[in-house]
């Protein structure tokens, strides 16, 4: 029984959809990406082609040198942070410099997403 539960949990983490489930991701050492979603953070090795595919898809906006946010998951902007849910959890926020934050707001409003 315990093995089944472990396998179920493992499948949840292996079968997430980056474009659909991820709030943001951070690129680490070559091949290592840390994905951050609603209830999890997952570090995963991916190929350069996979990473380039996520970046060029148009779904993710670069917010600093190594962090990309899913523009469909942005909920609000608060005091230099991009927020992805209504909780005050720092895990669901990404700090962004003021000048970069203004550019992101402009990019989202130009694409039809309400400026927050």
N, C-alpha and C. Protein backbone atom coordinates (compact mmCIF):
# COMPACT_ATOMS: atom_id res chain seq x y z
N UNK A 1 0.82 -1.20 0.00
CA UNK A 1 0.00 0.00 0.00
C UNK A 1 0.86 1.25 0.00
N UNK A 2 1.87 1.29 0.82
CA UNK A 2 2.72 2.46 0.91
C UNK A 2 3.44 2.72 -0.42
N UNK A 3 3.82 1.64 -1.10
CA UNK A 3 4.49 1.79 -2.39
C UNK A 3 3.57 2.46 -3.41
N UNK A 4 2.31 2.14 -3.42
CA UNK A 4 1.35 2.74 -4.34
C UNK A 4 1.25 4.25 -4.09
N UNK A 5 1.18 4.64 -2.83
CA UNK A 5 1.11 6.07 -2.49
C UNK A 5 2.37 6.77 -2.96
N UNK A 6 3.52 6.17 -2.73
CA UNK A 6 4.78 6.77 -3.17
C UNK A 6 4.79 6.92 -4.68
N UNK A 7 4.32 5.89 -5.40
CA UNK A 7 4.27 5.97 -6.86
C UNK A 7 3.31 7.06 -7.33
N UNK A 8 2.14 7.18 -6.65
CA UNK A 8 1.19 8.23 -7.01
C UNK A 8 1.80 9.60 -6.83
N UNK A 9 2.48 9.83 -5.72
CA UNK A 9 3.11 11.13 -5.49
C UNK A 9 4.20 11.40 -6.52
N UNK A 10 4.95 10.39 -6.84
CA UNK A 10 6.02 10.55 -7.82
C UNK A 10 5.42 10.93 -9.17
N UNK A 11 4.31 10.32 -9.56
CA UNK A 11 3.67 10.62 -10.84
C UNK A 11 3.15 12.05 -10.89
N UNK A 12 2.62 12.56 -9.78
CA UNK A 12 2.15 13.94 -9.75
C UNK A 12 3.30 14.89 -10.10
N UNK A 13 4.46 14.64 -9.53
CA UNK A 13 5.60 15.53 -9.76
C UNK A 13 6.22 15.34 -11.13
N UNK A 14 6.13 14.17 -11.68
CA UNK A 14 6.73 13.92 -12.99
C UNK A 14 5.81 14.34 -14.13
N UNK A 15 4.52 14.40 -13.89
CA UNK A 15 3.56 14.64 -14.98
C UNK A 15 2.99 16.05 -15.01
N UNK A 16 3.60 16.99 -14.33
CA UNK A 16 3.08 18.36 -14.38
C UNK A 16 3.35 18.94 -15.77
N UNK A 17 2.48 19.88 -16.16
CA UNK A 17 2.64 20.55 -17.45
C UNK A 17 3.19 21.95 -17.19
N UNK A 18 4.36 22.23 -17.72
CA UNK A 18 5.02 23.50 -17.43
C UNK A 18 4.14 24.68 -17.80
N UNK A 19 3.60 24.73 -19.00
CA UNK A 19 2.82 25.87 -19.44
C UNK A 19 1.52 26.03 -18.65
N UNK A 20 0.96 24.94 -18.18
CA UNK A 20 -0.33 24.96 -17.49
C UNK A 20 -0.19 25.11 -15.98
N UNK A 21 0.78 24.44 -15.37
CA UNK A 21 0.85 24.31 -13.92
C UNK A 21 1.85 25.22 -13.22
N UNK A 22 2.83 25.71 -13.91
CA UNK A 22 3.95 26.41 -13.27
C UNK A 22 3.69 27.91 -13.17
N UNK A 23 3.96 28.47 -11.98
CA UNK A 23 3.88 29.92 -11.79
C UNK A 23 5.13 30.58 -12.37
N UNK A 24 6.29 30.02 -12.04
CA UNK A 24 7.55 30.56 -12.54
C UNK A 24 8.61 29.48 -12.47
N UNK A 25 9.72 29.72 -13.19
CA UNK A 25 10.84 28.80 -13.08
C UNK A 25 12.13 29.59 -13.05
N UNK A 26 13.14 28.99 -12.41
CA UNK A 26 14.47 29.59 -12.30
C UNK A 26 15.48 28.63 -12.90
N UNK A 27 16.35 29.20 -13.71
CA UNK A 27 17.39 28.42 -14.36
C UNK A 27 18.62 28.43 -13.46
N UNK A 28 19.13 27.24 -13.16
CA UNK A 28 20.32 27.12 -12.32
C UNK A 28 21.51 26.71 -13.16
N UNK A 29 22.29 25.80 -12.61
CA UNK A 29 23.45 25.30 -13.36
C UNK A 29 22.95 24.67 -14.66
N UNK A 30 23.81 24.54 -15.64
CA UNK A 30 23.36 24.02 -16.94
C UNK A 30 22.52 22.75 -16.81
N UNK A 31 21.33 22.82 -17.39
CA UNK A 31 20.43 21.68 -17.40
C UNK A 31 19.50 21.59 -16.20
N UNK A 32 19.76 22.35 -15.14
CA UNK A 32 18.94 22.27 -13.93
C UNK A 32 17.99 23.46 -13.86
N UNK A 33 16.70 23.16 -13.75
CA UNK A 33 15.68 24.19 -13.65
C UNK A 33 14.81 23.89 -12.44
N UNK A 34 14.49 24.94 -11.70
CA UNK A 34 13.62 24.82 -10.53
C UNK A 34 12.25 25.38 -10.91
N UNK A 35 11.25 24.50 -10.93
CA UNK A 35 9.89 24.88 -11.30
C UNK A 35 9.08 25.12 -10.03
N UNK A 36 8.31 26.20 -10.01
CA UNK A 36 7.52 26.57 -8.83
C UNK A 36 6.06 26.66 -9.23
N UNK A 37 5.24 25.83 -8.60
CA UNK A 37 3.81 25.81 -8.87
C UNK A 37 3.02 26.10 -7.62
N UNK A 38 1.75 25.83 -7.68
CA UNK A 38 0.85 26.15 -6.58
C UNK A 38 1.23 25.46 -5.28
N UNK A 39 1.48 24.17 -5.33
CA UNK A 39 1.76 23.40 -4.12
C UNK A 39 3.11 22.71 -4.13
N UNK A 40 3.99 23.11 -5.00
CA UNK A 40 5.25 22.39 -5.07
C UNK A 40 6.35 23.21 -5.73
N UNK A 41 7.56 22.80 -5.44
CA UNK A 41 8.77 23.27 -6.10
C UNK A 41 9.51 22.03 -6.55
N UNK A 42 9.87 21.98 -7.81
CA UNK A 42 10.50 20.79 -8.36
C UNK A 42 11.77 21.20 -9.10
N UNK A 43 12.88 20.58 -8.73
CA UNK A 43 14.11 20.77 -9.48
C UNK A 43 14.23 19.61 -10.45
N UNK A 44 14.53 19.96 -11.70
CA UNK A 44 14.53 18.93 -12.73
C UNK A 44 15.60 19.25 -13.76
N UNK A 45 16.29 18.22 -14.23
CA UNK A 45 17.22 18.39 -15.34
C UNK A 45 16.42 18.38 -16.63
N UNK A 46 16.64 19.37 -17.47
CA UNK A 46 15.99 19.41 -18.78
C UNK A 46 17.05 19.74 -19.83
N UNK A 47 16.72 19.46 -21.06
CA UNK A 47 17.66 19.74 -22.15
C UNK A 47 17.62 21.22 -22.51
N UNK A 48 18.64 21.67 -23.17
CA UNK A 48 18.69 23.05 -23.66
C UNK A 48 17.53 23.31 -24.61
N UNK A 49 17.18 22.32 -25.41
CA UNK A 49 16.07 22.46 -26.35
C UNK A 49 14.75 22.66 -25.60
N UNK A 50 14.53 21.90 -24.51
CA UNK A 50 13.31 22.07 -23.73
C UNK A 50 13.25 23.46 -23.12
N UNK A 51 14.35 23.90 -22.55
CA UNK A 51 14.41 25.23 -21.93
C UNK A 51 14.13 26.31 -22.97
N UNK A 52 14.79 26.22 -24.11
CA UNK A 52 14.57 27.21 -25.17
C UNK A 52 13.13 27.20 -25.66
N UNK A 53 12.51 26.03 -25.67
CA UNK A 53 11.11 25.92 -26.07
C UNK A 53 10.20 26.67 -25.10
N UNK A 54 10.44 26.52 -23.79
CA UNK A 54 9.64 27.24 -22.80
C UNK A 54 9.83 28.74 -22.94
N UNK A 55 11.07 29.16 -23.11
CA UNK A 55 11.38 30.59 -23.19
C UNK A 55 10.80 31.21 -24.45
N UNK A 56 10.90 30.51 -25.57
CA UNK A 56 10.42 31.07 -26.84
C UNK A 56 8.92 30.89 -27.06
N UNK A 57 8.24 30.18 -26.17
CA UNK A 57 6.81 29.91 -26.35
C UNK A 57 5.93 31.17 -26.26
N UNK A 58 6.46 32.21 -25.62
CA UNK A 58 5.68 33.43 -25.43
C UNK A 58 4.86 33.40 -24.15
N UNK A 59 4.84 32.29 -23.45
CA UNK A 59 4.06 32.18 -22.20
C UNK A 59 4.83 32.74 -21.00
N UNK A 60 6.14 32.79 -21.10
CA UNK A 60 6.96 33.18 -19.97
C UNK A 60 7.65 34.51 -20.23
N UNK A 61 7.72 35.33 -19.20
CA UNK A 61 8.36 36.64 -19.28
C UNK A 61 9.58 36.61 -18.38
N UNK A 62 10.71 37.03 -18.91
CA UNK A 62 11.94 37.08 -18.12
C UNK A 62 11.86 38.24 -17.13
N UNK A 63 12.06 37.95 -15.84
CA UNK A 63 11.97 39.00 -14.83
C UNK A 63 13.33 39.34 -14.23
N UNK A 64 14.31 38.47 -14.41
CA UNK A 64 15.70 38.77 -14.08
C UNK A 64 16.57 37.78 -14.83
N UNK A 65 17.84 37.76 -14.54
CA UNK A 65 18.77 36.95 -15.30
C UNK A 65 18.46 35.47 -15.36
N UNK A 66 17.79 34.93 -14.36
CA UNK A 66 17.56 33.49 -14.34
C UNK A 66 16.12 33.08 -14.05
N UNK A 67 15.20 34.04 -13.96
CA UNK A 67 13.83 33.73 -13.56
C UNK A 67 12.84 34.17 -14.63
N UNK A 68 11.90 33.27 -14.92
CA UNK A 68 10.85 33.51 -15.91
C UNK A 68 9.50 33.24 -15.26
N UNK A 69 8.54 34.16 -15.43
CA UNK A 69 7.21 33.97 -14.85
C UNK A 69 6.22 33.61 -15.96
N UNK A 70 5.23 32.81 -15.59
CA UNK A 70 4.16 32.42 -16.50
C UNK A 70 3.17 33.58 -16.52
N UNK A 71 3.09 34.28 -17.63
CA UNK A 71 2.23 35.48 -17.69
C UNK A 71 0.77 35.16 -17.46
N UNK A 72 0.34 33.93 -17.74
CA UNK A 72 -1.05 33.54 -17.52
C UNK A 72 -1.37 33.34 -16.04
N UNK A 73 -0.35 33.19 -15.21
CA UNK A 73 -0.55 32.92 -13.79
C UNK A 73 -0.37 34.15 -12.91
N UNK A 74 0.04 35.28 -13.47
CA UNK A 74 0.25 36.50 -12.68
C UNK A 74 -1.10 36.99 -12.18
N UNK A 75 -1.20 37.18 -10.87
CA UNK A 75 -2.45 37.63 -10.26
C UNK A 75 -2.40 39.11 -9.95
N UNK A 76 -1.26 39.58 -9.40
CA UNK A 76 -1.16 40.98 -9.02
C UNK A 76 0.30 41.39 -8.85
N UNK A 77 0.48 42.68 -8.66
CA UNK A 77 1.79 43.26 -8.38
C UNK A 77 1.68 44.00 -7.04
N UNK A 78 2.62 43.73 -6.13
CA UNK A 78 2.58 44.37 -4.82
C UNK A 78 3.98 44.69 -4.34
N UNK A 79 4.28 45.95 -4.11
CA UNK A 79 5.55 46.38 -3.51
C UNK A 79 6.77 45.70 -4.12
N UNK A 80 6.89 45.70 -5.42
CA UNK A 80 8.05 45.12 -6.08
C UNK A 80 8.00 43.61 -6.23
N UNK A 81 6.83 43.03 -6.03
CA UNK A 81 6.67 41.59 -6.17
C UNK A 81 5.59 41.26 -7.19
N UNK A 82 5.80 40.18 -7.92
CA UNK A 82 4.76 39.60 -8.75
C UNK A 82 4.14 38.50 -7.91
N UNK A 83 2.81 38.54 -7.76
CA UNK A 83 2.12 37.56 -6.91
C UNK A 83 1.29 36.61 -7.78
N UNK A 84 1.25 35.35 -7.35
CA UNK A 84 0.56 34.32 -8.12
C UNK A 84 -0.67 33.77 -7.42
N UNK A 85 -0.86 34.08 -6.16
CA UNK A 85 -2.07 33.66 -5.46
C UNK A 85 -2.38 34.68 -4.37
N UNK A 86 -3.46 34.48 -3.67
CA UNK A 86 -3.92 35.45 -2.69
C UNK A 86 -3.25 35.32 -1.33
N UNK A 87 -2.47 34.28 -1.12
CA UNK A 87 -1.80 34.12 0.18
C UNK A 87 -0.60 35.07 0.24
N UNK A 88 -0.11 35.27 1.42
CA UNK A 88 1.06 36.13 1.62
C UNK A 88 2.34 35.32 1.53
N UNK A 89 2.26 34.10 1.07
CA UNK A 89 3.40 33.21 1.02
C UNK A 89 4.48 33.75 0.08
N UNK A 90 5.69 33.87 0.59
CA UNK A 90 6.80 34.33 -0.25
C UNK A 90 7.10 33.35 -1.37
N UNK A 91 6.75 32.08 -1.16
CA UNK A 91 7.01 31.07 -2.18
C UNK A 91 6.19 31.32 -3.43
N UNK A 92 5.13 32.09 -3.31
CA UNK A 92 4.27 32.35 -4.46
C UNK A 92 4.41 33.79 -4.94
N UNK A 93 5.59 34.36 -4.69
CA UNK A 93 5.91 35.71 -5.15
C UNK A 93 7.31 35.72 -5.73
N UNK A 94 7.54 36.63 -6.66
CA UNK A 94 8.87 36.81 -7.23
C UNK A 94 9.20 38.29 -7.13
N UNK A 95 10.36 38.59 -6.54
CA UNK A 95 10.79 39.99 -6.44
C UNK A 95 11.28 40.46 -7.81
N UNK A 96 10.90 41.69 -8.16
CA UNK A 96 11.27 42.27 -9.44
C UNK A 96 11.65 43.72 -9.21
N UNK A 97 12.72 44.19 -9.86
CA UNK A 97 13.11 45.59 -9.74
C UNK A 97 12.00 46.49 -10.29
N UNK A 98 11.96 47.72 -9.81
CA UNK A 98 10.87 48.63 -10.21
C UNK A 98 10.86 48.88 -11.71
N UNK A 99 12.02 49.09 -12.31
CA UNK A 99 12.03 49.38 -13.75
C UNK A 99 11.60 48.16 -14.55
N UNK A 100 11.99 46.97 -14.12
CA UNK A 100 11.59 45.75 -14.82
C UNK A 100 10.09 45.49 -14.61
N UNK A 101 9.60 45.77 -13.41
CA UNK A 101 8.19 45.56 -13.09
C UNK A 101 7.30 46.41 -13.99
N UNK A 102 7.68 47.64 -14.23
CA UNK A 102 6.89 48.51 -15.10
C UNK A 102 6.85 47.95 -16.52
N UNK A 103 7.97 47.44 -16.99
CA UNK A 103 8.01 46.83 -18.33
C UNK A 103 7.12 45.60 -18.43
N UNK A 104 7.09 44.81 -17.37
CA UNK A 104 6.24 43.61 -17.34
C UNK A 104 4.77 44.01 -17.34
N UNK A 105 4.42 45.02 -16.54
CA UNK A 105 3.03 45.51 -16.53
C UNK A 105 2.62 45.97 -17.92
N UNK A 106 3.51 46.72 -18.58
CA UNK A 106 3.22 47.21 -19.93
C UNK A 106 3.05 46.05 -20.91
N UNK A 107 3.89 45.05 -20.78
CA UNK A 107 3.82 43.89 -21.68
C UNK A 107 2.51 43.14 -21.47
N UNK A 108 2.10 42.95 -20.23
CA UNK A 108 0.86 42.24 -19.95
C UNK A 108 -0.36 43.04 -20.42
N UNK A 109 -0.36 44.35 -20.20
CA UNK A 109 -1.52 45.13 -20.62
C UNK A 109 -1.59 45.22 -22.15
N UNK A 110 -0.44 45.23 -22.82
CA UNK A 110 -0.44 45.25 -24.29
C UNK A 110 -0.98 43.94 -24.87
N UNK A 111 -0.88 42.87 -24.10
CA UNK A 111 -1.36 41.58 -24.56
C UNK A 111 -2.77 41.29 -24.10
N UNK A 112 -3.42 42.30 -23.55
CA UNK A 112 -4.82 42.15 -23.18
C UNK A 112 -5.08 41.73 -21.76
N UNK A 113 -4.02 41.47 -20.99
CA UNK A 113 -4.23 41.11 -19.58
C UNK A 113 -4.28 42.42 -18.81
N UNK A 114 -5.24 42.57 -17.95
CA UNK A 114 -5.43 43.81 -17.21
C UNK A 114 -4.18 44.19 -16.43
N UNK A 115 -3.80 45.44 -16.47
CA UNK A 115 -2.70 45.93 -15.64
C UNK A 115 -3.15 45.90 -14.20
N UNK A 116 -2.31 45.34 -13.36
CA UNK A 116 -2.73 45.12 -11.98
C UNK A 116 -2.13 46.10 -11.05
